[in-house]
Amino acid sequence: MEKNALRFLTVSLAVLLLFHGVDKIVNGIGSIEEMLEKLKIPYAQYIAYGVYIGEVLAPLMLVFNHFIRIALILISINMLVAIVLAHGTTLLTLSKHGAWSIETPMLYLVVSVTLFLLYTHKKIL
């Protein structure tokens, strides 16, 4: 039962992140490049491609049950970068509906870190 619940949460995280990855595949990563260039990060046009690792490759690794802990680390790093780049100026603000402005990316981050800790501790699957 515990394995099924853990697997369900893992696949759910993967599928939800894949929607973001598909959006990047369809619409490109120009906005990410712009954010990196605005911060004067060298090689921004190449670093921006890392989003495909965190939002396409890593979720697929979870869906197909391969290198799960590595995939969870990649997703966690991806979410940390997303929080800093896209929400860095709004970390301590609320949305117009009263929710924390970084609620969704923070949820992805917390779930990926929690799953990593569970998979590390239990050696499940």
PDB file of N, CA and C in Angstrom:
ATOM      1  N   MET A   1       0.818  -1.194   0.000  1.00  0.00           N
ATOM      2  CA  MET A   1       0.000   0.000   0.000  1.00  0.00           C
ATOM      3  C   MET A   1       0.868   1.268   0.000  1.00  0.00           C
ATOM      4  N   GLU A   2       1.896   1.269   0.860  1.00  0.00           N
ATOM      5  CA  GLU A   2       2.786   2.424   0.938  1.00  0.00           C
ATOM      6  C   GLU A   2       3.513   2.638  -0.388  1.00  0.00           C
ATOM      7  N   LYS A   3       3.934   1.551  -1.019  1.00  0.00           N
ATOM      8  CA  LYS A   3       4.621   1.663  -2.309  1.00  0.00           C
ATOM      9  C   LYS A   3       3.695   2.255  -3.364  1.00  0.00           C
ATOM     10  N   ASN A   4       2.432   1.839  -3.348  1.00  0.00           N
ATOM     11  CA  ASN A   4       1.473   2.361  -4.328  1.00  0.00           C
ATOM     12  C   ASN A   4       1.239   3.854  -4.133  1.00  0.00           C
ATOM     13  N   ALA A   5       1.124   4.276  -2.888  1.00  0.00           N
ATOM     14  CA  ALA A   5       0.913   5.698  -2.604  1.00  0.00           C
ATOM     15  C   ALA A   5       2.126   6.517  -3.033  1.00  0.00           C
ATOM     16  N   LEU A   6       3.298   6.010  -2.743  1.00  0.00           N
ATOM     17  CA  LEU A   6       4.527   6.704  -3.117  1.00  0.00           C
ATOM     18  C   LEU A   6       4.652   6.784  -4.637  1.00  0.00           C
ATOM     19  N   ARG A   7       4.344   5.707  -5.301  1.00  0.00           N
ATOM     20  CA  ARG A   7       4.413   5.684  -6.770  1.00  0.00           C
ATOM     21  C   ARG A   7       3.395   6.652  -7.375  1.00  0.00           C
ATOM     22  N   PHE A   8       2.188   6.689  -6.792  1.00  0.00           N
ATOM     23  CA  PHE A   8       1.148   7.600  -7.281  1.00  0.00           C
ATOM     24  C   PHE A   8       1.602   9.055  -7.161  1.00  0.00           C
ATOM     25  N   LEU A   9       2.175   9.415  -6.028  1.00  0.00           N
ATOM     26  CA  LEU A   9       2.657  10.783  -5.827  1.00  0.00           C
ATOM     27  C   LEU A   9       3.804  11.103  -6.785  1.00  0.00           C
ATOM     28  N   THR A  10       4.683  10.150  -6.996  1.00  0.00           N
ATOM     29  CA  THR A  10       5.820  10.342  -7.897  1.00  0.00           C
ATOM     30  C   THR A  10       5.353  10.571  -9.332  1.00  0.00           C
ATOM     31  N   VAL A  11       4.448   9.737  -9.803  1.00  0.00           N
ATOM     32  CA  VAL A  11       3.942   9.874 -11.174  1.00  0.00           C
ATOM     33  C   VAL A  11       3.111  11.152 -11.309  1.00  0.00           C
ATOM     34  N   SER A  12       2.363  11.504 -10.273  1.00  0.00           N
ATOM     35  CA  SER A  12       1.582  12.746 -10.310  1.00  0.00           C
ATOM     36  C   SER A  12       2.493  13.954 -10.466  1.00  0.00           C
ATOM     37  N   LEU A  13       3.562  13.995  -9.696  1.00  0.00           N
ATOM     38  CA  LEU A  13       4.541  15.080  -9.815  1.00  0.00           C
ATOM     39  C   LEU A  13       5.091  15.131 -11.236  1.00  0.00           C
ATOM     40  N   ALA A  14       5.443  13.981 -11.768  1.00  0.00           N
ATOM     41  CA  ALA A  14       6.026  13.910 -13.111  1.00  0.00           C
ATOM     42  C   ALA A  14       5.058  14.425 -14.172  1.00  0.00           C
ATOM     43  N   VAL A  15       3.827  13.969 -14.122  1.00  0.00           N
ATOM     44  CA  VAL A  15       2.842  14.358 -15.140  1.00  0.00           C
ATOM     45  C   VAL A  15       2.565  15.859 -15.074  1.00  0.00           C
ATOM     46  N   LEU A  16       2.413  16.389 -13.863  1.00  0.00           N
ATOM     47  CA  LEU A  16       2.152  17.824 -13.729  1.00  0.00           C
ATOM     48  C   LEU A  16       3.323  18.661 -14.236  1.00  0.00           C
ATOM     49  N   LEU A  17       4.538  18.216 -13.990  1.00  0.00           N
ATOM     50  CA  LEU A  17       5.705  18.945 -14.497  1.00  0.00           C
ATOM     51  C   LEU A  17       5.849  18.806 -16.009  1.00  0.00           C
ATOM     52  N   LEU A  18       5.440  17.676 -16.538  1.00  0.00           N
ATOM     53  CA  LEU A  18       5.533  17.478 -17.991  1.00  0.00           C
ATOM     54  C   LEU A  18       4.689  18.497 -18.757  1.00  0.00           C
ATOM     55  N   PHE A  19       3.579  18.947 -18.173  1.00  0.00           N
ATOM     56  CA  PHE A  19       2.787  19.993 -18.831  1.00  0.00           C
ATOM     57  C   PHE A  19       3.637  21.247 -19.037  1.00  0.00           C
ATOM     58  N   HIS A  20       4.442  21.591 -18.040  1.00  0.00           N
ATOM     59  CA  HIS A  20       5.338  22.741 -18.169  1.00  0.00           C
ATOM     60  C   HIS A  20       6.397  22.466 -19.235  1.00  0.00           C
ATOM     61  N   GLY A  21       6.914  21.251 -19.252  1.00  0.00           N
ATOM     62  CA  GLY A  21       7.923  20.883 -20.236  1.00  0.00           C
ATOM     63  C   GLY A  21       7.397  20.922 -21.657  1.00  0.00           C
ATOM     64  N   VAL A  22       6.195  20.415 -21.856  1.00  0.00           N
ATOM     65  CA  VAL A  22       5.587  20.440 -23.190  1.00  0.00           C
ATOM     66  C   VAL A  22       5.381  21.886 -23.633  1.00  0.00           C
ATOM     67  N   ASP A  23       4.973  22.741 -22.711  1.00  0.00           N
ATOM     68  CA  ASP A  23       4.821  24.162 -23.040  1.00  0.00           C
ATOM     69  C   ASP A  23       6.143  24.751 -23.516  1.00  0.00           C
ATOM     70  N   LYS A  24       7.232  24.384 -22.854  1.00  0.00           N
ATOM     71  CA  LYS A  24       8.552  24.893 -23.259  1.00  0.00           C
ATOM     72  C   LYS A  24       8.944  24.349 -24.632  1.00  0.00           C
ATOM     73  N   ILE A  25       8.591  23.097 -24.903  1.00  0.00           N
ATOM     74  CA  ILE A  25       8.899  22.509 -26.212  1.00  0.00           C
ATOM     75  C   ILE A  25       8.115  23.227 -27.305  1.00  0.00           C
ATOM     76  N   VAL A  26       6.838  23.490 -27.053  1.00  0.00           N
ATOM     77  CA  VAL A  26       5.967  24.113 -28.049  1.00  0.00           C
ATOM     78  C   VAL A  26       6.281  25.600 -28.230  1.00  0.00           C
ATOM     79  N   ASN A  27       6.438  26.316 -27.122  1.00  0.00           N
ATOM     80  CA  ASN A  27       6.578  27.777 -27.179  1.00  0.00           C
ATOM     81  C   ASN A  27       8.007  28.280 -27.039  1.00  0.00           C
ATOM     82  N   GLY A  28       8.941  27.384 -26.777  1.00  0.00           N
ATOM     83  CA  GLY A  28      10.337  27.791 -26.668  1.00  0.00           C
ATOM     84  C   GLY A  28      10.711  28.287 -25.280  1.00  0.00           C
ATOM     85  N   ILE A  29      11.992  28.605 -25.126  1.00  0.00           N
ATOM     86  CA  ILE A  29      12.522  29.008 -23.824  1.00  0.00           C
ATOM     87  C   ILE A  29      13.068  30.433 -23.859  1.00  0.00           C
ATOM     88  N   GLY A  30      12.565  31.226 -24.789  1.00  0.00           N
ATOM     89  CA  GLY A  30      13.031  32.609 -24.933  1.00  0.00           C
ATOM     90  C   GLY A  30      12.868  33.430 -23.670  1.00  0.00           C
ATOM     91  N   SER A  31      11.765  33.238 -22.958  1.00  0.00           N
ATOM     92  CA  SER A  31      11.538  34.024 -21.739  1.00  0.00           C
ATOM     93  C   SER A  31      12.560  33.674 -20.660  1.00  0.00           C
ATOM     94  N   ILE A  32      12.967  32.422 -20.618  1.00  0.00           N
ATOM     95  CA  ILE A  32      13.973  32.003 -19.638  1.00  0.00           C
ATOM     96  C   ILE A  32      15.328  32.600 -20.009  1.00  0.00           C
ATOM     97  N   GLU A  33      15.649  32.577 -21.299  1.00  0.00           N
ATOM     98  CA  GLU A  33      16.898  33.201 -21.758  1.00  0.00           C
ATOM     99  C   GLU A  33      16.926  34.680 -21.379  1.00  0.00           C
ATOM    100  N   GLU A  34      15.785  35.367 -21.566  1.00  0.00           N
ATOM    101  CA  GLU A  34      15.714  36.790 -21.233  1.00  0.00           C
ATOM    102  C   GLU A  34      15.951  37.029 -19.748  1.00  0.00           C
ATOM    103  N   MET A  35      15.356  36.193 -18.898  1.00  0.00           N
ATOM    104  CA  MET A  35      15.560  36.340 -17.453  1.00  0.00           C
ATOM    105  C   MET A  35      17.027  36.155 -17.088  1.00  0.00           C
ATOM    106  N   LEU A  36      17.658  35.148 -17.688  1.00  0.00           N
ATOM    107  CA  LEU A  36      19.073  34.892 -17.407  1.00  0.00           C
ATOM    108  C   LEU A  36      19.953  36.029 -17.910  1.00  0.00           C
ATOM    109  N   GLU A  37      19.649  36.539 -19.106  1.00  0.00           N
ATOM    110  CA  GLU A  37      20.429  37.646 -19.669  1.00  0.00           C
ATOM    111  C   GLU A  37      20.257  38.917 -18.844  1.00  0.00           C
ATOM    112  N   LYS A  38      19.043  39.137 -18.328  1.00  0.00           N
ATOM    113  CA  LYS A  38      18.790  40.313 -17.494  1.00  0.00           C
ATOM    114  C   LYS A  38      19.651  40.278 -16.230  1.00  0.00           C
ATOM    115  N   LEU A  39      19.914  39.072 -15.738  1.00  0.00           N
ATOM    116  CA  LEU A  39      20.768  38.901 -14.559  1.00  0.00           C
ATOM    117  C   LEU A  39      22.251  38.852 -14.928  1.00  0.00           C
ATOM    118  N   LYS A  40      22.533  39.039 -16.222  1.00  0.00           N
ATOM    119  CA  LYS A  40      23.908  39.041 -16.742  1.00  0.00           C
ATOM    120  C   LYS A  40      24.638  37.722 -16.477  1.00  0.00           C
ATOM    121  N   ILE A  41      23.909  36.635 -16.594  1.00  0.00           N
ATOM    122  CA  ILE A  41      24.499  35.306 -16.426  1.00  0.00           C
ATOM    123  C   ILE A  41      25.147  34.912 -17.748  1.00  0.00           C
ATOM    124  N   PRO A  42      26.439  34.571 -17.732  1.00  0.00           N
ATOM    125  CA  PRO A  42      27.111  34.207 -18.982  1.00  0.00           C
ATOM    126  C   PRO A  42      26.526  32.929 -19.588  1.00  0.00           C
ATOM    127  N   TYR A  43      26.567  32.875 -20.891  1.00  0.00           N
ATOM    128  CA  TYR A  43      26.074  31.715 -21.648  1.00  0.00           C
ATOM    129  C   TYR A  43      24.601  31.431 -21.377  1.00  0.00           C
ATOM    130  N   ALA A  44      23.821  32.486 -21.190  1.00  0.00           N
ATOM    131  CA  ALA A  44      22.401  32.338 -20.863  1.00  0.00           C
ATOM    132  C   ALA A  44      21.659  31.506 -21.899  1.00  0.00           C
ATOM    133  N   GLN A  45      22.017  31.672 -23.170  1.00  0.00           N
ATOM    134  CA  GLN A  45      21.309  30.942 -24.218  1.00  0.00           C
ATOM    135  C   GLN A  45      21.510  29.435 -24.106  1.00  0.00           C
ATOM    136  N   TYR A  46      22.601  29.014 -23.480  1.00  0.00           N
ATOM    137  CA  TYR A  46      22.857  27.582 -23.297  1.00  0.00           C
ATOM    138  C   TYR A  46      22.306  27.083 -21.960  1.00  0.00           C
ATOM    139  N   ILE A  47      22.468  27.894 -20.937  1.00  0.00           N
ATOM    140  CA  ILE A  47      21.988  27.506 -19.609  1.00  0.00           C
ATOM    141  C   ILE A  47      20.472  27.346 -19.614  1.00  0.00           C
ATOM    142  N   ALA A  48      19.784  28.144 -20.412  1.00  0.00           N
ATOM    143  CA  ALA A  48      18.323  28.075 -20.474  1.00  0.00           C
ATOM    144  C   ALA A  48      17.831  26.693 -20.895  1.00  0.00           C
ATOM    145  N   TYR A  49      18.633  25.975 -21.650  1.00  0.00           N
ATOM    146  CA  TYR A  49      18.229  24.635 -22.074  1.00  0.00           C
ATOM    147  C   TYR A  49      18.122  23.663 -20.900  1.00  0.00           C
ATOM    148  N   GLY A  50      18.675  24.021 -19.756  1.00  0.00           N
ATOM    149  CA  GLY A  50      18.554  23.183 -18.568  1.00  0.00           C
ATOM    150  C   GLY A  50      17.117  22.961 -18.147  1.00  0.00           C
ATOM    151  N   VAL A  51      16.232  23.871 -18.548  1.00  0.00           N
ATOM    152  CA  VAL A  51      14.819  23.709 -18.207  1.00  0.00           C
ATOM    153  C   VAL A  51      14.258  22.418 -18.812  1.00  0.00           C
ATOM    154  N   TYR A  52      14.783  22.017 -19.952  1.00  0.00           N
ATOM    155  CA  TYR A  52      14.320  20.766 -20.555  1.00  0.00           C
ATOM    156  C   TYR A  52      14.703  19.562 -19.697  1.00  0.00           C
ATOM    157  N   ILE A  53      15.836  19.659 -19.016  1.00  0.00           N
ATOM    158  CA  ILE A  53      16.250  18.567 -18.125  1.00  0.00           C
ATOM    159  C   ILE A  53      15.289  18.466 -16.953  1.00  0.00           C
ATOM    160  N   GLY A  54      14.957  19.613 -16.354  1.00  0.00           N
ATOM    161  CA  GLY A  54      14.103  19.610 -15.171  1.00  0.00           C
ATOM    162  C   GLY A  54      12.629  19.416 -15.442  1.00  0.00           C
ATOM    163  N   GLU A  55      12.170  19.788 -16.648  1.00  0.00           N
ATOM    164  CA  GLU A  55      10.737  19.732 -16.919  1.00  0.00           C
ATOM    165  C   GLU A  55      10.340  18.702 -17.974  1.00  0.00           C
ATOM    166  N   VAL A  56      11.304  18.053 -18.596  1.00  0.00           N
ATOM    167  CA  VAL A  56      10.983  16.993 -19.563  1.00  0.00           C
ATOM    168  C   VAL A  56      11.713  15.700 -19.200  1.00  0.00           C
ATOM    169  N   LEU A  57      13.036  15.743 -19.194  1.00  0.00           N
ATOM    170  CA  LEU A  57      13.818  14.529 -18.947  1.00  0.00           C
ATOM    171  C   LEU A  57      13.556  13.944 -17.562  1.00  0.00           C
ATOM    172  N   ALA A  58      13.684  14.761 -16.523  1.00  0.00           N
ATOM    173  CA  ALA A  58      13.507  14.252 -15.154  1.00  0.00           C
ATOM    174  C   ALA A  58      12.098  13.696 -14.921  1.00  0.00           C
ATOM    175  N   PRO A  59      11.027  14.384 -15.352  1.00  0.00           N
ATOM    176  CA  PRO A  59       9.704  13.781 -15.186  1.00  0.00           C
ATOM    177  C   PRO A  59       9.544  12.457 -15.944  1.00  0.00           C
ATOM    178  N   LEU A  60      10.138  12.371 -17.131  1.00  0.00           N
ATOM    179  CA  LEU A  60      10.068  11.100 -17.864  1.00  0.00           C
ATOM    180  C   LEU A  60      10.818   9.999 -17.120  1.00  0.00           C
ATOM    181  N   MET A  61      11.915  10.362 -16.484  1.00  0.00           N
ATOM    182  CA  MET A  61      12.652   9.381 -15.677  1.00  0.00           C
ATOM    183  C   MET A  61      11.763   8.863 -14.545  1.00  0.00           C
ATOM    184  N   LEU A  62      10.964   9.750 -13.957  1.00  0.00           N
ATOM    185  CA  LEU A  62      10.055   9.329 -12.885  1.00  0.00           C
ATOM    186  C   LEU A  62       8.950   8.428 -13.422  1.00  0.00           C
ATOM    187  N   VAL A  63       8.361   8.819 -14.543  1.00  0.00           N
ATOM    188  CA  VAL A  63       7.271   8.023 -15.126  1.00  0.00           C
ATOM    189  C   VAL A  63       7.747   6.619 -15.451  1.00  0.00           C
ATOM    190  N   PHE A  64       8.949   6.515 -16.013  1.00  0.00           N
ATOM    191  CA  PHE A  64       9.471   5.208 -16.403  1.00  0.00           C
ATOM    192  C   PHE A  64      10.273   4.526 -15.300  1.00  0.00           C
ATOM    193  N   ASN A  65      10.280   5.148 -14.114  1.00  0.00           N
ATOM    194  CA  ASN A  65      10.846   4.519 -12.914  1.00  0.00           C
ATOM    195  C   ASN A  65      12.345   4.228 -13.041  1.00  0.00           C
ATOM    196  N   HIS A  66      13.078   5.156 -13.632  1.00  0.00           N
ATOM    197  CA  HIS A  66      14.525   5.010 -13.788  1.00  0.00           C
ATOM    198  C   HIS A  66      15.244   6.171 -13.111  1.00  0.00           C
ATOM    199  N   PHE A  67      16.275   5.859 -12.340  1.00  0.00           N
ATOM    200  CA  PHE A  67      17.096   6.875 -11.685  1.00  0.00           C
ATOM    201  C   PHE A  67      16.230   7.897 -10.945  1.00  0.00           C
ATOM    202  N   ILE A  68      15.331   7.391 -10.122  1.00  0.00           N
ATOM    203  CA  ILE A  68      14.332   8.235  -9.469  1.00  0.00           C
ATOM    204  C   ILE A  68      14.970   9.310  -8.596  1.00  0.00           C
ATOM    205  N   ARG A  69      15.937   8.949  -7.793  1.00  0.00           N
ATOM    206  CA  ARG A  69      16.539   9.949  -6.900  1.00  0.00           C
ATOM    207  C   ARG A  69      17.277  11.027  -7.686  1.00  0.00           C
ATOM    208  N   ILE A  70      17.935  10.643  -8.758  1.00  0.00           N
ATOM    209  CA  ILE A  70      18.604  11.643  -9.606  1.00  0.00           C
ATOM    210  C   ILE A  70      17.565  12.576 -10.225  1.00  0.00           C
ATOM    211  N   ALA A  71      16.472  12.008 -10.715  1.00  0.00           N
ATOM    212  CA  ALA A  71      15.403  12.818 -11.306  1.00  0.00           C
ATOM    213  C   ALA A  71      14.828  13.794 -10.285  1.00  0.00           C
ATOM    214  N   LEU A  72      14.647  13.341  -9.056  1.00  0.00           N
ATOM    215  CA  LEU A  72      14.100  14.211  -8.013  1.00  0.00           C
ATOM    216  C   LEU A  72      15.069  15.335  -7.655  1.00  0.00           C
ATOM    217  N   ILE A  73      16.360  15.053  -7.669  1.00  0.00           N
ATOM    218  CA  ILE A  73      17.352  16.114  -7.443  1.00  0.00           C
ATOM    219  C   ILE A  73      17.288  17.137  -8.578  1.00  0.00           C
ATOM    220  N   LEU A  74      17.196  16.653  -9.818  1.00  0.00           N
ATOM    221  CA  LEU A  74      17.116  17.555 -10.967  1.00  0.00           C
ATOM    222  C   LEU A  74      15.878  18.442 -10.888  1.00  0.00           C
ATOM    223  N   ILE A  75      14.759  17.857 -10.498  1.00  0.00           N
ATOM    224  CA  ILE A  75      13.520  18.629 -10.370  1.00  0.00           C
ATOM    225  C   ILE A  75      13.654  19.660  -9.253  1.00  0.00           C
ATOM    226  N   SER A  76      14.251  19.268  -8.143  1.00  0.00           N
ATOM    227  CA  SER A  76      14.436  20.202  -7.025  1.00  0.00           C
ATOM    228  C   SER A  76      15.300  21.386  -7.440  1.00  0.00           C
ATOM    229  N   ILE A  77      16.381  21.113  -8.137  1.00  0.00           N
ATOM    230  CA  ILE A  77      17.252  22.192  -8.618  1.00  0.00           C
ATOM    231  C   ILE A  77      16.495  23.082  -9.596  1.00  0.00           C
ATOM    232  N   ASN A  78      15.761  22.466 -10.502  1.00  0.00           N
ATOM    233  CA  ASN A  78      14.970  23.206 -11.478  1.00  0.00           C
ATOM    234  C   ASN A  78      13.986  24.143 -10.775  1.00  0.00           C
ATOM    235  N   MET A  79      13.331  23.653  -9.733  1.00  0.00           N
ATOM    236  CA  MET A  79      12.351  24.473  -9.031  1.00  0.00           C
ATOM    237  C   MET A  79      13.021  25.594  -8.238  1.00  0.00           C
ATOM    238  N   LEU A  80      14.166  25.318  -7.647  1.00  0.00           N
ATOM    239  CA  LEU A  80      14.900  26.383  -6.951  1.00  0.00           C
ATOM    240  C   LEU A  80      15.270  27.503  -7.921  1.00  0.00           C
ATOM    241  N   VAL A  81      15.766  27.124  -9.084  1.00  0.00           N
ATOM    242  CA  VAL A  81      16.131  28.116 -10.097  1.00  0.00           C
ATOM    243  C   VAL A  81      14.888  28.871 -10.566  1.00  0.00           C
ATOM    244  N   ALA A  82      13.791  28.163 -10.774  1.00  0.00           N
ATOM    245  CA  ALA A  82      12.546  28.810 -11.204  1.00  0.00           C
ATOM    246  C   ALA A  82      12.052  29.804 -10.158  1.00  0.00           C
ATOM    247  N   ILE A  83      12.140  29.431  -8.893  1.00  0.00           N
ATOM    248  CA  ILE A  83      11.698  30.333  -7.826  1.00  0.00           C
ATOM    249  C   ILE A  83      12.561  31.588  -7.811  1.00  0.00           C
ATOM    250  N   VAL A  84      13.864  31.421  -7.921  1.00  0.00           N
ATOM    251  CA  VAL A  84      14.765  32.577  -7.885  1.00  0.00           C
ATOM    252  C   VAL A  84      14.580  33.455  -9.123  1.00  0.00           C
ATOM    253  N   LEU A  85      14.525  32.840 -10.303  1.00  0.00           N
ATOM    254  CA  LEU A  85      14.430  33.619 -11.539  1.00  0.00           C
ATOM    255  C   LEU A  85      13.063  34.264 -11.732  1.00  0.00           C
ATOM    256  N   ALA A  86      12.020  33.464 -11.637  1.00  0.00           N
ATOM    257  CA  ALA A  86      10.688  33.955 -11.979  1.00  0.00           C
ATOM    258  C   ALA A  86       9.974  34.636 -10.819  1.00  0.00           C
ATOM    259  N   HIS A  87      10.353  34.288  -9.603  1.00  0.00           N
ATOM    260  CA  HIS A  87       9.612  34.808  -8.452  1.00  0.00           C
ATOM    261  C   HIS A  87      10.511  35.481  -7.422  1.00  0.00           C
ATOM    262  N   GLY A  88      11.742  35.768  -7.795  1.00  0.00           N
ATOM    263  CA  GLY A  88      12.704  36.328  -6.848  1.00  0.00           C
ATOM    264  C   GLY A  88      12.255  37.613  -6.181  1.00  0.00           C
ATOM    265  N   THR A  89      11.516  38.433  -6.908  1.00  0.00           N
ATOM    266  CA  THR A  89      11.069  39.709  -6.339  1.00  0.00           C
ATOM    267  C   THR A  89       9.751  39.588  -5.584  1.00  0.00           C
ATOM    268  N   THR A  90       9.114  38.434  -5.654  1.00  0.00           N
ATOM    269  CA  THR A  90       7.801  38.269  -5.008  1.00  0.00           C
ATOM    270  C   THR A  90       7.802  37.169  -3.955  1.00  0.00           C
ATOM    271  N   LEU A  91       8.972  36.836  -3.437  1.00  0.00           N
ATOM    272  CA  LEU A  91       9.069  35.731  -2.475  1.00  0.00           C
ATOM    273  C   LEU A  91       8.174  35.908  -1.259  1.00  0.00           C
ATOM    274  N   LEU A  92       8.044  37.122  -0.779  1.00  0.00           N
ATOM    275  CA  LEU A  92       7.302  37.359   0.457  1.00  0.00           C
ATOM    276  C   LEU A  92       5.987  38.091   0.221  1.00  0.00           C
ATOM    277  N   THR A  93       5.398  37.879  -0.951  1.00  0.00           N
ATOM    278  CA  THR A  93       4.142  38.557  -1.261  1.00  0.00           C
ATOM    279  C   THR A  93       3.012  37.558  -1.416  1.00  0.00           C
ATOM    280  N   LEU A  94       1.807  38.093  -1.393  1.00  0.00           N
ATOM    281  CA  LEU A  94       0.612  37.280  -1.587  1.00  0.00           C
ATOM    282  C   LEU A  94       0.014  37.586  -2.952  1.00  0.00           C
ATOM    283  N   SER A  95      -0.675  36.606  -3.517  1.00  0.00           N
ATOM    284  CA  SER A  95      -1.368  36.825  -4.784  1.00  0.00           C
ATOM    285  C   SER A  95      -2.641  37.632  -4.518  1.00  0.00           C
ATOM    286  N   LYS A  96      -3.351  37.981  -5.576  1.00  0.00           N
ATOM    287  CA  LYS A  96      -4.578  38.767  -5.402  1.00  0.00           C
ATOM    288  C   LYS A  96      -5.669  37.977  -4.676  1.00  0.00           C
ATOM    289  N   HIS A  97      -5.500  36.655  -4.585  1.00  0.00           N
ATOM    290  CA  HIS A  97      -6.471  35.812  -3.887  1.00  0.00           C
ATOM    291  C   HIS A  97      -6.020  35.461  -2.475  1.00  0.00           C
ATOM    292  N   GLY A  98      -4.904  36.010  -2.042  1.00  0.00           N
ATOM    293  CA  GLY A  98      -4.429  35.798  -0.685  1.00  0.00           C
ATOM    294  C   GLY A  98      -3.477  34.629  -0.504  1.00  0.00           C
ATOM    295  N   ALA A  99      -3.180  33.919  -1.574  1.00  0.00           N
ATOM    296  CA  ALA A  99      -2.245  32.785  -1.485  1.00  0.00           C
ATOM    297  C   ALA A  99      -0.813  33.303  -1.596  1.00  0.00           C
ATOM    298  N   TRP A 100       0.128  32.520  -1.113  1.00  0.00           N
ATOM    299  CA  TRP A 100       1.540  32.866  -1.238  1.00  0.00           C
ATOM    300  C   TRP A 100       1.867  32.900  -2.723  1.00  0.00           C
ATOM    301  N   SER A 101       2.564  33.907  -3.164  1.00  0.00           N
ATOM    302  CA  SER A 101       2.814  34.094  -4.594  1.00  0.00           C
ATOM    303  C   SER A 101       3.655  32.981  -5.215  1.00  0.00           C
ATOM    304  N   ILE A 102       4.430  32.271  -4.408  1.00  0.00           N
ATOM    305  CA  ILE A 102       5.242  31.178  -4.958  1.00  0.00           C
ATOM    306  C   ILE A 102       4.721  29.812  -4.500  1.00  0.00           C
ATOM    307  N   GLU A 103       3.436  29.767  -4.227  1.00  0.00           N
ATOM    308  CA  GLU A 103       2.828  28.546  -3.703  1.00  0.00           C
ATOM    309  C   GLU A 103       3.034  27.334  -4.620  1.00  0.00           C
ATOM    310  N   THR A 104       2.753  27.483  -5.894  1.00  0.00           N
ATOM    311  CA  THR A 104       2.857  26.342  -6.813  1.00  0.00           C
ATOM    312  C   THR A 104       4.296  25.862  -6.993  1.00  0.00           C
ATOM    313  N   PRO A 105       5.244  26.740  -7.321  1.00  0.00           N
ATOM    314  CA  PRO A 105       6.614  26.223  -7.446  1.00  0.00           C
ATOM    315  C   PRO A 105       7.154  25.679  -6.127  1.00  0.00           C
ATOM    316  N   MET A 106       6.740  26.281  -5.013  1.00  0.00           N
ATOM    317  CA  MET A 106       7.192  25.784  -3.712  1.00  0.00           C
ATOM    318  C   MET A 106       6.611  24.397  -3.439  1.00  0.00           C
ATOM    319  N   LEU A 107       5.385  24.170  -3.862  1.00  0.00           N
ATOM    320  CA  LEU A 107       4.781  22.848  -3.693  1.00  0.00           C
ATOM    321  C   LEU A 107       5.547  21.798  -4.498  1.00  0.00           C
ATOM    322  N   TYR A 108       5.898  22.125  -5.739  1.00  0.00           N
ATOM    323  CA  TYR A 108       6.715  21.209  -6.538  1.00  0.00           C
ATOM    324  C   TYR A 108       8.049  20.921  -5.845  1.00  0.00           C
ATOM    325  N   LEU A 109       8.668  21.961  -5.306  1.00  0.00           N
ATOM    326  CA  LEU A 109       9.953  21.800  -4.623  1.00  0.00           C
ATOM    327  C   LEU A 109       9.817  20.927  -3.382  1.00  0.00           C
ATOM    328  N   VAL A 110       8.833  21.206  -2.557  1.00  0.00           N
ATOM    329  CA  VAL A 110       8.643  20.445  -1.314  1.00  0.00           C
ATOM    330  C   VAL A 110       8.326  18.982  -1.609  1.00  0.00           C
ATOM    331  N   VAL A 111       7.474  18.738  -2.593  1.00  0.00           N
ATOM    332  CA  VAL A 111       7.128  17.353  -2.941  1.00  0.00           C
ATOM    333  C   VAL A 111       8.349  16.617  -3.480  1.00  0.00           C
ATOM    334  N   SER A 112       9.128  17.259  -4.338  1.00  0.00           N
ATOM    335  CA  SER A 112      10.301  16.572  -4.898  1.00  0.00           C
ATOM    336  C   SER A 112      11.348  16.284  -3.824  1.00  0.00           C
ATOM    337  N   VAL A 113      11.569  17.212  -2.911  1.00  0.00           N
ATOM    338  CA  VAL A 113      12.532  16.974  -1.825  1.00  0.00           C
ATOM    339  C   VAL A 113      12.017  15.883  -0.892  1.00  0.00           C
ATOM    340  N   THR A 114      10.734  15.929  -0.569  1.00  0.00           N
ATOM    341  CA  THR A 114      10.142  14.909   0.307  1.00  0.00           C
ATOM    342  C   THR A 114      10.246  13.525  -0.319  1.00  0.00           C
ATOM    343  N   LEU A 115       9.914  13.421  -1.600  1.00  0.00           N
ATOM    344  CA  LEU A 115      10.027  12.126  -2.280  1.00  0.00           C
ATOM    345  C   LEU A 115      11.475  11.649  -2.298  1.00  0.00           C
ATOM    346  N   PHE A 116      12.408  12.555  -2.541  1.00  0.00           N
ATOM    347  CA  PHE A 116      13.820  12.176  -2.521  1.00  0.00           C
ATOM    348  C   PHE A 116      14.188  11.585  -1.167  1.00  0.00           C
ATOM    349  N   LEU A 117      13.784  12.245  -0.102  1.00  0.00           N
ATOM    350  CA  LEU A 117      14.098  11.753   1.242  1.00  0.00           C
ATOM    351  C   LEU A 117      13.442  10.402   1.508  1.00  0.00           C
ATOM    352  N   LEU A 118      12.209  10.236   1.057  1.00  0.00           N
ATOM    353  CA  LEU A 118      11.527   8.951   1.245  1.00  0.00           C
ATOM    354  C   LEU A 118      12.207   7.840   0.455  1.00  0.00           C
ATOM    355  N   TYR A 119      12.544   8.104  -0.790  1.00  0.00           N
ATOM    356  CA  TYR A 119      13.207   7.081  -1.602  1.00  0.00           C
ATOM    357  C   TYR A 119      14.596   6.769  -1.069  1.00  0.00           C
ATOM    358  N   THR A 120      15.263   7.751  -0.511  1.00  0.00           N
ATOM    359  CA  THR A 120      16.595   7.531   0.054  1.00  0.00           C
ATOM    360  C   THR A 120      16.512   6.718   1.331  1.00  0.00           C
ATOM    361  N   HIS A 121      15.557   7.062   2.179  1.00  0.00           N
ATOM    362  CA  HIS A 121      15.434   6.399   3.480  1.00  0.00           C
ATOM    363  C   HIS A 121      14.901   4.976   3.347  1.00  0.00           C
ATOM    364  N   LYS A 122      13.881   4.807   2.550  1.00  0.00           N
ATOM    365  CA  LYS A 122      13.200   3.513   2.473  1.00  0.00           C
ATOM    366  C   LYS A 122      13.791   2.568   1.433  1.00  0.00           C
ATOM    367  N   LYS A 123      14.530   3.114   0.474  1.00  0.00           N
ATOM    368  CA  LYS A 123      15.036   2.299  -0.643  1.00  0.00           C
ATOM    369  C   LYS A 123      13.877   1.566  -1.320  1.00  0.00           C
ATOM    370  N   ILE A 124      12.783   2.293  -1.516  1.00  0.00           N
ATOM    371  CA  ILE A 124      11.569   1.714  -2.094  1.00  0.00           C
ATOM    372  C   ILE A 124      11.682   1.714  -3.612  1.00  0.00           C
ATOM    373  N   LEU A 125      11.128   0.710  -4.234  1.00  0.00           N
ATOM    374  CA  LEU A 125      11.081   0.523  -5.684  1.00  0.00           C
ATOM    375  C   LEU A 125      12.479   0.377  -6.178  1.00  0.00           C
TER     376      LEU A 125
END
